[in-house]
Amino acid sequence: MKEPIKHWKKLKRGYTFKKQTFYNSAHIGLDIIAPEGEPIFAWQDLEVISSEYGRDGGNTILIKCPNNKRLFRLMHLQFQIIKGKYKEGQIMAQVGNTGLLTTGAHLHLDISKNGKLRLNDVNNFEDPEIYFNWVLSL
């Protein structure tokens, strides 16, 4: 498995899965600060099942991976992304600065369990840092 983003500066965690940190308990996932236009790669064969513009998150995609019950959500992308299948290592998006809840170029990444995005259920989310086996410092 590859990583979705190679050149990032730092990470801001909003919620450490039952422990509040930087933002508040409503921010679930990771914000990875990277230059605008930085490519985002398919970390394995996957499918973008939804691509839309949301007022708060800007250009947002939902991703499913084969044989995987997780749902990945990437937000604040530079452009709207074409739905469809992407091969591991293929560029599928770029870091952006879209949506009302952004203060600079970054990638928001969160992972829902069981293939369903349930924003009001903190227990439905998985830690991306552990999933990607990242050793990140704040």
Foldseek 3Di string as FASTA:
>chain_A
DAFFFDDFDAKDAQAPLPHGDDHYPLQHFMKTHDAWFGFTWDQAKKWFPDWDQDQAFGTKTWIDHPPFQKIKMKGQWQDTWDTTIDHGGDGTTTFHQGHPNGDHTIITMWMFGRNDDDSVDSVRTDYVCVVVVPDHDD
